[in-house]
């Protein structure tokens, strides 16, 4: 295995595959703070040269965190299809990049080869790509998932309503839901982050969202984003919900700080399969985002992008209905400015789709980062062009409970118009019946007027 190169008269020697992966990463403030990023543009280019010549076998034989030390590594390794891996193990990372970008390489071919890939291989490929590559490559990967019905079909674009309320008022939450529905948001799910993370609040919100969905015969999915243990107990006590939620990380240590493990998620899977309101088979909603491990001191010296890809590898075990990355949520300590956020969400989207994940995008920012709404809209448009399955919808783009900026209901309507996309089939039909949308997917004059729900 060659870990050195000579570039512009200078020799560059790297100690490990982990160091090559970190220094080949585009600049990210979290990597810089850890002291693992490239010290100069020349060193970054040298690392990319070395990375491009490593084989997939080199990457797999040198995991960034050893199998014996980390549950996430074990889940990832145990899911690799050995037959397909042996067919491609001599490919270099550079060849994999060229193969994915080749216009002759199909969706089906990528999905087959992906069964033999690890997240580290996919993250390495992303590090060799330009932003345009990261838009072009995932466009050909179609990921469809089904809970009550299917999202992710070609020609559609879905949205999750995020109607958070600082006092967990069901009436206040439902007002935000009503407005969102008139704009065509909600076919991915109605997902509420409770302010007070308890079993009782979780049950109250589960009942409130489910009852509204049934009253208006809305074809959607409900999800309450409390800790998984509270969701499990709420459902065991009879509360109705379509999907379970949990934030996940790229290391076992970080997952422990979230209070979760593979064993716990396995137990939760059995509960939602047998006691949830959706038939499935895809019954999980996961959230991720670059930098969580670094901010918790559980990164093991691994770069942000590689750890983000490992989350998708871990999520494979649970075949989620949707997975949402919120790179930019933590702040400038991991994503310093607009350039880093735009690059980060494109990387996340590519890695997720390559690993078979139904990626939705939270192109978000906090007000203490060097970003603004134009950076966010640029990231949103690019990931829409790249084929994201869905986006988040927040009233006026401002989550007043979590204190960050995300895409608004109006943004979402514009995203569908830009590419001529419609909601999921069942939700689109309901929109037509309610008079909010026409057959072609255009909003009517009733959009933005939720009074129909309170008459």
Protein backbone atom coordinates (compact mmCIF):
# COMPACT_ATOMS: atom_id res chain seq x y z
CA UNK A 1 0.00 0.00 0.00
CA UNK A 2 1.49 3.31 -1.11
CA UNK A 3 0.97 6.23 1.29
CA UNK A 4 3.30 8.77 -0.29
CA UNK A 5 3.67 10.88 -3.40
CA UNK A 6 5.93 13.57 -4.82
CA UNK A 7 4.24 16.78 -5.89
CA UNK A 8 5.83 19.96 -7.27
CA UNK A 9 9.25 18.86 -6.01
CA UNK A 10 8.04 18.04 -2.48
CA UNK A 11 7.68 14.58 -0.95
CA UNK A 12 4.48 13.91 1.00
CA UNK A 13 4.36 10.89 3.33
CA UNK A 14 1.24 9.89 5.26
CA UNK A 15 1.14 7.53 8.23
CA UNK A 16 -2.21 5.81 7.67
CA UNK A 17 -5.31 5.53 5.49
CA UNK A 18 -7.15 7.50 8.18
CA UNK A 19 -4.70 10.39 7.78
CA UNK A 20 -5.01 10.28 3.98
CA UNK A 21 -8.82 10.40 4.22
CA UNK A 22 -8.70 13.35 6.63
CA UNK A 23 -6.22 15.39 4.64
CA UNK A 24 -7.94 14.69 1.29
CA UNK A 25 -11.10 16.28 2.72
CA UNK A 26 -12.12 19.71 1.50
CA UNK A 27 -11.56 22.30 4.23
CA UNK A 28 -13.92 21.91 7.21
CA UNK A 29 -13.56 23.85 10.45
CA UNK A 30 -14.16 20.76 12.61
CA UNK A 31 -11.26 18.91 10.98
CA UNK A 32 -9.09 21.99 11.39
CA UNK A 33 -9.94 22.28 15.10
CA UNK A 34 -8.98 18.62 15.60
CA UNK A 35 -5.68 19.23 13.79
CA UNK A 36 -6.34 16.43 11.29
CA UNK A 37 -7.09 18.49 8.16
CA UNK A 38 -4.53 19.34 5.49
CA UNK A 39 -2.13 22.11 6.48
CA UNK A 40 -2.08 23.56 2.96
CA UNK A 41 -3.77 23.22 -0.40
CA UNK A 42 -0.66 21.40 -1.70
CA UNK A 43 -0.88 18.83 1.09
CA UNK A 44 -4.61 18.39 0.37
CA UNK A 45 -3.89 17.73 -3.30
CA UNK A 46 -1.11 15.28 -2.37
CA UNK A 47 -3.52 13.39 -0.12
CA UNK A 48 -6.08 13.25 -2.93
CA UNK A 49 -3.44 11.81 -5.28
CA UNK A 50 -2.55 9.10 -2.76
CA UNK A 51 -6.23 8.39 -2.04
CA UNK A 52 -7.05 8.05 -5.74
CA UNK A 53 -4.43 5.28 -6.07
CA UNK A 54 -5.49 3.23 -3.00
CA UNK A 55 -7.52 0.12 -3.77
CA UNK A 56 -10.86 -0.61 -2.16
CA UNK A 57 -9.12 -3.51 -0.41
CA UNK A 58 -6.58 -1.07 1.07
CA UNK A 59 -9.45 0.98 2.48
CA UNK A 60 -11.29 -2.03 3.92
CA UNK A 61 -8.21 -3.60 5.51
CA UNK A 62 -7.47 -0.34 7.30
CA UNK A 63 -10.74 0.77 8.93
CA UNK A 64 -10.67 4.20 10.52
CA UNK A 65 -11.82 2.57 13.79
CA UNK A 66 -10.97 -1.13 14.35
CA UNK A 67 -13.70 -3.79 14.26
CA UNK A 68 -12.90 -4.92 17.78
CA UNK A 69 -13.31 -1.41 19.22
CA UNK A 70 -16.47 -0.06 17.67
CA UNK A 71 -20.03 -1.32 17.17
CA UNK A 72 -20.63 0.96 14.15
CA UNK A 73 -17.62 -0.60 12.40
CA UNK A 74 -18.95 -4.08 13.17
CA UNK A 75 -22.42 -3.29 11.78
CA UNK A 76 -20.85 -1.88 8.62
CA UNK A 77 -18.42 -4.75 8.08
CA UNK A 78 -20.99 -7.47 8.77
CA UNK A 79 -23.31 -6.08 6.07
CA UNK A 80 -20.77 -6.14 3.22
CA UNK A 81 -21.65 -8.56 0.41
CA UNK A 82 -18.41 -10.55 0.16
CA UNK A 83 -19.04 -11.88 -3.36
CA UNK A 84 -19.53 -8.40 -4.81
CA UNK A 85 -16.68 -6.99 -2.73
CA UNK A 86 -14.29 -9.61 -4.11
CA UNK A 87 -15.29 -8.61 -7.65
CA UNK A 88 -14.32 -4.97 -7.06
CA UNK A 89 -11.68 -5.02 -4.32
CA UNK A 90 -8.85 -4.27 -6.75
CA UNK A 91 -10.55 -1.14 -8.08
CA UNK A 92 -8.81 2.04 -7.02
CA UNK A 93 -10.81 4.83 -5.39
CA UNK A 94 -10.05 6.93 -8.46
CA UNK A 95 -11.50 4.23 -10.75
CA UNK A 96 -14.64 3.99 -8.61
CA UNK A 97 -15.14 7.72 -9.05
CA UNK A 98 -14.78 7.48 -12.82
CA UNK A 99 -17.12 4.47 -12.97
CA UNK A 100 -19.88 6.20 -10.97
CA UNK A 101 -19.64 9.33 -13.11
CA UNK A 102 -19.68 7.41 -16.42
CA UNK A 103 -23.00 8.16 -18.10
CA UNK A 104 -23.24 4.48 -19.11
CA UNK A 105 -23.24 3.32 -15.46
CA UNK A 106 -26.84 2.74 -14.41
CA UNK A 107 -28.84 3.02 -11.21
CA UNK A 108 -29.11 -0.77 -10.97
CA UNK A 109 -25.36 -1.26 -11.48
CA UNK A 110 -24.51 1.27 -8.76
CA UNK A 111 -26.93 -0.36 -6.30
CA UNK A 112 -25.36 -3.78 -6.90
CA UNK A 113 -21.79 -2.56 -6.48
CA UNK A 114 -22.79 -0.54 -3.40
CA UNK A 115 -23.55 -3.80 -1.59
CA UNK A 116 -19.82 -4.48 -1.65
CA UNK A 117 -18.75 -1.01 -0.51
CA UNK A 118 -18.05 0.38 2.95
CA UNK A 119 -18.78 4.00 3.93
CA UNK A 120 -15.04 4.77 3.99
CA UNK A 121 -14.79 3.82 0.29
CA UNK A 122 -17.77 6.01 -0.57
CA UNK A 123 -16.47 8.95 1.47
CA UNK A 124 -13.10 8.58 -0.25
CA UNK A 125 -14.82 8.77 -3.63
CA UNK A 126 -16.67 11.94 -2.60
CA UNK A 127 -13.35 13.55 -1.62
CA UNK A 128 -12.16 13.17 -5.22
CA UNK A 129 -15.27 14.82 -6.66
CA UNK A 130 -16.04 18.43 -7.51
CA UNK A 131 -19.34 20.02 -6.51
CA UNK A 132 -20.68 19.41 -10.02
CA UNK A 133 -19.71 15.73 -9.76
CA UNK A 134 -21.60 15.56 -6.45
CA UNK A 135 -24.71 16.92 -8.17
CA UNK A 136 -24.45 14.74 -11.28
CA UNK A 137 -23.64 11.35 -9.71
CA UNK A 138 -26.56 10.90 -7.27
CA UNK A 139 -29.14 12.09 -9.82
CA UNK A 140 -29.11 8.62 -11.36
CA UNK A 141 -29.67 6.81 -8.01
CA UNK A 142 -33.38 6.37 -7.25
CA UNK A 143 -34.22 5.38 -3.68
CA UNK A 144 -37.88 4.57 -3.05
CA UNK A 145 -39.21 3.73 0.43
CA UNK A 146 -42.63 2.80 1.76
CA UNK A 147 -44.39 3.22 5.09
CA UNK A 148 -48.09 4.01 4.45
CA UNK A 149 -47.19 4.69 0.81
CA UNK A 150 -44.11 5.23 -1.33
CA UNK A 151 -41.97 8.36 -1.57
CA UNK A 152 -38.89 8.94 -3.70
CA UNK A 153 -40.43 8.00 -7.04
CA UNK A 154 -39.10 9.79 -10.16
CA UNK A 155 -40.95 13.04 -10.82
CA UNK A 156 -41.88 13.56 -7.18
CA UNK A 157 -40.47 15.68 -4.37
CA UNK A 158 -41.68 15.34 -0.80
CA UNK A 159 -41.48 17.38 2.40
CA UNK A 160 -41.48 16.82 6.13
CA UNK A 161 -43.43 19.40 8.13
CA UNK A 162 -41.47 20.47 11.21
CA UNK A 163 -44.10 22.39 13.24
CA UNK A 164 -42.20 22.70 16.52
CA UNK A 165 -43.72 24.72 19.35
CA UNK A 166 -41.84 26.06 22.41
CA UNK A 167 -44.54 24.88 24.85
CA UNK A 168 -45.54 21.71 22.96
CA UNK A 169 -49.04 23.10 22.43
CA UNK A 170 -50.97 20.70 20.18
CA UNK A 171 -53.21 23.54 19.00
CA UNK A 172 -50.19 25.70 18.17
CA UNK A 173 -48.50 22.82 16.35
CA UNK A 174 -51.63 22.05 14.35
CA UNK A 175 -51.94 25.65 13.16
CA UNK A 176 -48.48 25.32 11.61
CA UNK A 177 -49.44 21.92 10.15
CA UNK A 178 -52.60 23.37 8.56
CA UNK A 179 -50.68 26.13 6.81
CA UNK A 180 -48.02 23.66 5.62
CA UNK A 181 -50.59 21.32 4.12
CA UNK A 182 -52.08 24.11 2.01
CA UNK A 183 -48.61 24.60 0.47
CA UNK A 184 -48.29 20.89 -0.33
CA UNK A 185 -45.90 20.06 2.50
CA UNK A 186 -46.29 16.92 4.59
CA UNK A 187 -46.23 13.98 2.18
CA UNK A 188 -42.98 12.71 3.73
CA UNK A 189 -44.24 13.10 7.28
CA UNK A 190 -45.49 15.39 10.02
CA UNK A 191 -42.52 15.25 12.41
CA UNK A 192 -42.62 17.18 15.68
CA UNK A 193 -39.60 17.85 17.92
CA UNK A 194 -41.00 18.05 21.48
CA UNK A 195 -39.52 20.69 23.74
CA UNK A 196 -40.10 18.53 26.81
CA UNK A 197 -38.77 15.03 26.11
CA UNK A 198 -41.01 12.85 28.28
CA UNK A 199 -43.29 9.88 27.72
CA UNK A 200 -46.40 11.92 28.57
CA UNK A 201 -45.60 14.71 26.10
CA UNK A 202 -44.67 12.14 23.46
CA UNK A 203 -48.01 10.37 23.91
CA UNK A 204 -49.96 13.64 23.78
CA UNK A 205 -48.26 14.71 20.55
CA UNK A 206 -48.62 11.26 18.97
CA UNK A 207 -52.37 11.32 19.66
CA UNK A 208 -52.73 14.95 18.52
CA UNK A 209 -51.04 14.41 15.13
CA UNK A 210 -52.68 11.03 14.50
CA UNK A 211 -56.19 12.27 15.35
CA UNK A 212 -55.82 15.25 13.00
CA UNK A 213 -54.54 12.98 10.22
CA UNK A 214 -57.52 10.64 10.64
CA UNK A 215 -60.09 13.47 10.92
CA UNK A 216 -59.02 14.95 7.59
CA UNK A 217 -58.13 11.63 5.94
CA UNK A 218 -54.63 12.93 5.16
CA UNK A 219 -52.35 10.36 3.50
CA UNK A 220 -49.17 11.03 5.43
CA UNK A 221 -46.98 9.70 8.24
CA UNK A 222 -46.56 10.92 11.82
CA UNK A 223 -43.38 10.93 13.90
CA UNK A 224 -42.49 12.45 17.28
CA UNK A 225 -38.79 13.20 17.70
CA UNK A 226 -38.35 12.43 21.38
CA UNK A 227 -35.73 9.97 22.62
CA UNK A 228 -36.34 6.48 21.28
CA UNK A 229 -36.91 5.06 24.76
CA UNK A 230 -39.79 7.51 25.32
CA UNK A 231 -41.27 6.69 21.90
CA UNK A 232 -41.03 2.95 22.64
CA UNK A 233 -42.84 3.32 25.95
CA UNK A 234 -45.49 5.63 24.45
CA UNK A 235 -46.31 3.10 21.73
CA UNK A 236 -46.27 0.22 24.22
CA UNK A 237 -48.90 2.21 26.16
CA UNK A 238 -51.10 2.53 23.08
CA UNK A 239 -50.10 5.83 21.47
CA UNK A 240 -50.43 5.82 17.64
CA UNK A 241 -47.49 6.74 15.39
CA UNK A 242 -46.26 5.81 11.90
CA UNK A 243 -42.47 6.08 12.27
CA UNK A 244 -39.85 5.88 15.00
CA UNK A 245 -37.12 8.54 15.13
CA UNK A 246 -33.57 8.65 16.40
CA UNK A 247 -30.41 10.71 15.80
CA UNK A 248 -27.50 8.41 15.02
CA UNK A 249 -23.72 8.87 14.93
CA UNK A 250 -20.68 7.42 13.18
CA UNK A 251 -18.98 5.98 16.26
CA UNK A 252 -20.12 3.73 19.08
CA UNK A 253 -18.93 6.26 21.65
CA UNK A 254 -21.07 9.01 20.13
CA UNK A 255 -24.10 6.71 19.99
CA UNK A 256 -23.61 5.99 23.70
CA UNK A 257 -23.84 9.71 24.43
CA UNK A 258 -27.16 9.65 22.53
CA UNK A 259 -28.24 6.81 24.83
CA UNK A 260 -28.53 4.23 22.07
CA UNK A 261 -27.02 1.01 20.78
CA UNK A 262 -27.67 -1.55 18.08
CA UNK A 263 -29.48 -3.70 20.65
CA UNK A 264 -31.83 -0.86 21.61
CA UNK A 265 -32.61 0.00 17.97
CA UNK A 266 -33.24 -3.67 17.24
CA UNK A 267 -35.76 -3.78 20.10
CA UNK A 268 -37.42 -0.59 18.88
CA UNK A 269 -37.67 -2.00 15.35
CA UNK A 270 -39.70 -4.94 16.62
CA UNK A 271 -42.08 -2.59 18.46
CA UNK A 272 -42.77 -0.27 15.50
CA UNK A 273 -43.15 -3.27 13.16
CA UNK A 274 -45.83 -4.83 15.34
CA UNK A 275 -47.47 -1.84 17.07
CA UNK A 276 -47.01 1.15 14.72
CA UNK A 277 -49.78 2.47 12.46
CA UNK A 278 -47.88 2.05 9.14
CA UNK A 279 -47.40 -1.26 7.33
CA UNK A 280 -43.89 -0.46 6.17
CA UNK A 281 -41.48 -2.09 5.48
CA UNK A 282 -39.55 1.19 6.03
CA UNK A 283 -40.42 2.48 9.51
CA UNK A 284 -37.48 4.58 10.74
CA UNK A 285 -36.67 8.26 10.44
CA UNK A 286 -33.01 9.03 11.25
CA UNK A 287 -31.24 12.36 11.55
CA UNK A 288 -27.52 12.95 11.07
CA UNK A 289 -25.14 15.82 10.34
CA UNK A 290 -21.42 16.35 9.99
CA UNK A 291 -19.50 17.22 13.14
CA UNK A 292 -21.59 15.62 15.89
CA UNK A 293 -18.77 13.29 16.94
CA UNK A 294 -16.20 16.08 17.06
CA UNK A 295 -18.48 18.26 19.18
CA UNK A 296 -18.91 15.33 21.63
CA UNK A 297 -15.22 14.37 21.74
CA UNK A 298 -16.02 10.93 20.29
CA UNK A 299 -14.48 11.27 16.81
CA UNK A 300 -11.42 8.98 17.23
CA UNK A 301 -9.48 11.44 15.08
CA UNK A 302 -11.59 10.68 12.01
CA UNK A 303 -12.67 13.45 9.64
CA UNK A 304 -16.26 14.76 9.51
CA UNK A 305 -17.18 13.43 6.08
CA UNK A 306 -15.98 9.89 6.74
CA UNK A 307 -17.89 9.78 10.03
CA UNK A 308 -21.01 11.09 8.30
CA UNK A 309 -20.79 8.30 5.70
CA UNK A 310 -20.42 5.75 8.53
CA UNK A 311 -23.83 6.88 9.87
CA UNK A 312 -25.42 5.86 6.57
CA UNK A 313 -23.59 2.54 6.76
CA UNK A 314 -24.98 1.99 10.27
CA UNK A 315 -28.49 3.03 9.12
CA UNK A 316 -28.43 0.36 6.40
CA UNK A 317 -29.23 -2.24 9.06
CA UNK A 318 -32.63 -0.58 9.66
CA UNK A 319 -33.74 0.27 6.06
CA UNK A 320 -35.17 3.67 7.11
CA UNK A 321 -38.13 5.37 5.45
CA UNK A 322 -36.20 8.64 5.48
CA UNK A 323 -32.92 10.01 6.74
CA UNK A 324 -32.20 13.68 7.08
CA UNK A 325 -28.79 15.34 7.28
CA UNK A 326 -28.59 18.72 8.98
CA UNK A 327 -24.99 19.69 8.27
CA UNK A 328 -24.79 23.31 9.39
CA UNK A 329 -26.97 22.77 12.47
CA UNK A 330 -24.16 22.66 15.03
CA UNK A 331 -22.51 25.89 13.93
CA UNK A 332 -19.21 27.40 12.81
CA UNK A 333 -17.08 25.09 14.95
CA UNK A 334 -17.79 22.32 12.43
CA UNK A 335 -19.16 24.20 9.39
CA UNK A 336 -17.64 27.64 9.28
CA UNK A 337 -19.24 29.38 6.31
CA UNK A 338 -21.48 29.06 3.28
CA UNK A 339 -18.82 27.39 1.14
CA UNK A 340 -18.30 24.64 3.74
CA UNK A 341 -22.04 24.10 4.25
CA UNK A 342 -22.79 23.86 0.53
CA UNK A 343 -19.94 21.40 0.00
CA UNK A 344 -20.98 19.42 3.10
CA UNK A 345 -24.60 18.86 2.11
CA UNK A 346 -23.58 17.78 -1.41
CA UNK A 347 -21.12 15.26 0.08
CA UNK A 348 -23.75 13.95 2.51
CA UNK A 349 -26.33 13.55 -0.23
CA UNK A 350 -23.92 11.66 -2.52
CA UNK A 351 -22.66 9.34 0.23
CA UNK A 352 -26.18 8.60 1.46
CA UNK A 353 -27.55 7.77 -1.98
CA UNK A 354 -24.51 5.61 -2.78
CA UNK A 355 -25.20 3.59 0.37
CA UNK A 356 -28.88 3.18 -0.49
CA UNK A 357 -30.26 5.77 1.89
CA UNK A 358 -33.41 7.85 1.16
CA UNK A 359 -31.64 11.16 1.77
CA UNK A 360 -33.60 14.24 2.66
CA UNK A 361 -31.82 17.52 3.13
CA UNK A 362 -31.77 20.05 5.89
CA UNK A 363 -29.72 22.81 4.29
CA UNK A 364 -29.56 24.78 7.52
CA UNK A 365 -27.62 27.41 9.38
CA UNK A 366 -27.39 29.05 12.75
CA UNK A 367 -27.16 32.81 13.14
CA UNK A 368 -23.67 32.66 14.70
CA UNK A 369 -22.17 31.04 11.57
CA UNK A 370 -20.85 32.91 8.55
CA UNK A 371 -23.82 31.96 6.42
CA UNK A 372 -26.96 33.64 5.21
CA UNK A 373 -30.17 32.81 3.40
CA UNK A 374 -28.50 33.00 -0.02
CA UNK A 375 -26.00 30.28 0.95
CA UNK A 376 -28.88 28.17 2.22
CA UNK A 377 -30.89 28.65 -0.98
CA UNK A 378 -27.88 27.78 -3.13
CA UNK A 379 -27.36 24.56 -1.18
CA UNK A 380 -31.07 23.76 -1.40
CA UNK A 381 -31.23 24.30 -5.16
CA UNK A 382 -28.13 22.17 -5.79
CA UNK A 383 -29.35 19.26 -3.65
CA UNK A 384 -32.76 19.51 -5.32
CA UNK A 385 -31.02 19.25 -8.70
CA UNK A 386 -28.99 16.33 -7.34
CA UNK A 387 -32.21 14.41 -6.61
CA UNK A 388 -32.85 14.73 -2.87
CA UNK A 389 -35.90 12.72 -1.80
CA UNK A 390 -37.34 15.48 0.39
CA UNK A 391 -36.70 18.69 2.32
CA UNK A 392 -37.88 20.08 5.64
CA UNK A 393 -40.67 22.64 5.90
CA UNK A 394 -40.51 25.12 8.80
CA UNK A 395 -42.93 28.05 9.25
CA UNK A 396 -41.25 31.08 7.61
CA UNK A 397 -37.98 29.09 7.55
CA UNK A 398 -37.35 29.89 11.23
CA UNK A 399 -37.53 27.12 13.83
CA UNK A 400 -38.42 29.18 16.89
CA UNK A 401 -37.90 26.26 19.27
CA UNK A 402 -34.56 24.91 18.02
CA UNK A 403 -33.25 28.38 17.04
CA UNK A 404 -31.96 27.74 13.53
CA UNK A 405 -32.94 28.45 9.93
CA UNK A 406 -34.28 25.82 7.52
CA UNK A 407 -36.37 25.74 4.33
CA UNK A 408 -39.84 27.30 4.52
CA UNK A 409 -43.18 26.14 3.11
CA UNK A 410 -42.80 28.78 0.39
CA UNK A 411 -39.29 27.51 -0.45
CA UNK A 412 -40.65 24.02 -0.83
CA UNK A 413 -43.36 25.08 -3.25
CA UNK A 414 -40.71 26.85 -5.32
CA UNK A 415 -38.48 23.75 -5.36
CA UNK A 416 -41.27 21.67 -6.88
CA UNK A 417 -42.01 24.34 -9.50
CA UNK A 418 -38.32 24.62 -10.45
CA UNK A 419 -38.08 21.01 -11.60
CA UNK A 420 -41.75 20.33 -12.37
CA UNK A 421 -42.15 17.80 -9.58
CA UNK A 422 -45.29 16.70 -7.77
CA UNK A 423 -46.05 15.34 -4.31
CA UNK A 424 -46.27 11.60 -3.67
CA UNK A 425 -49.21 10.19 -5.65
CA UNK A 426 -51.62 9.62 -2.73
CA UNK A 427 -50.90 13.01 -1.16
CA UNK A 428 -51.24 14.75 -4.52
CA UNK A 429 -54.72 13.28 -4.98
CA UNK A 430 -55.71 14.52 -1.51
CA UNK A 431 -54.38 18.00 -2.36
CA UNK A 432 -56.55 18.04 -5.51
CA UNK A 433 -59.63 16.95 -3.54
CA UNK A 434 -58.99 19.71 -0.97
CA UNK A 435 -58.61 22.28 -3.75
CA UNK A 436 -55.03 23.22 -2.83
CA UNK A 437 -53.32 21.86 -5.98
CA UNK A 438 -54.24 21.12 -9.58
CA UNK A 439 -53.62 17.97 -11.63
CA UNK A 440 -50.31 19.37 -12.92
CA UNK A 441 -48.98 19.95 -9.42
CA UNK A 442 -49.39 23.73 -9.32
CA UNK A 443 -50.75 25.33 -6.15
CA UNK A 444 -54.15 27.04 -6.39
CA UNK A 445 -55.24 30.35 -4.89
CA UNK A 446 -56.20 28.47 -1.70
CA UNK A 447 -52.53 27.86 -0.86
CA UNK A 448 -51.58 29.66 2.33
CA UNK A 449 -55.15 29.81 3.65
CA UNK A 450 -55.63 27.19 6.41
CA UNK A 451 -59.10 28.43 7.35
CA UNK A 452 -60.72 25.38 5.74
CA UNK A 453 -59.43 23.31 8.68
CA UNK A 454 -60.96 25.53 11.38
CA UNK A 455 -64.37 26.32 9.98
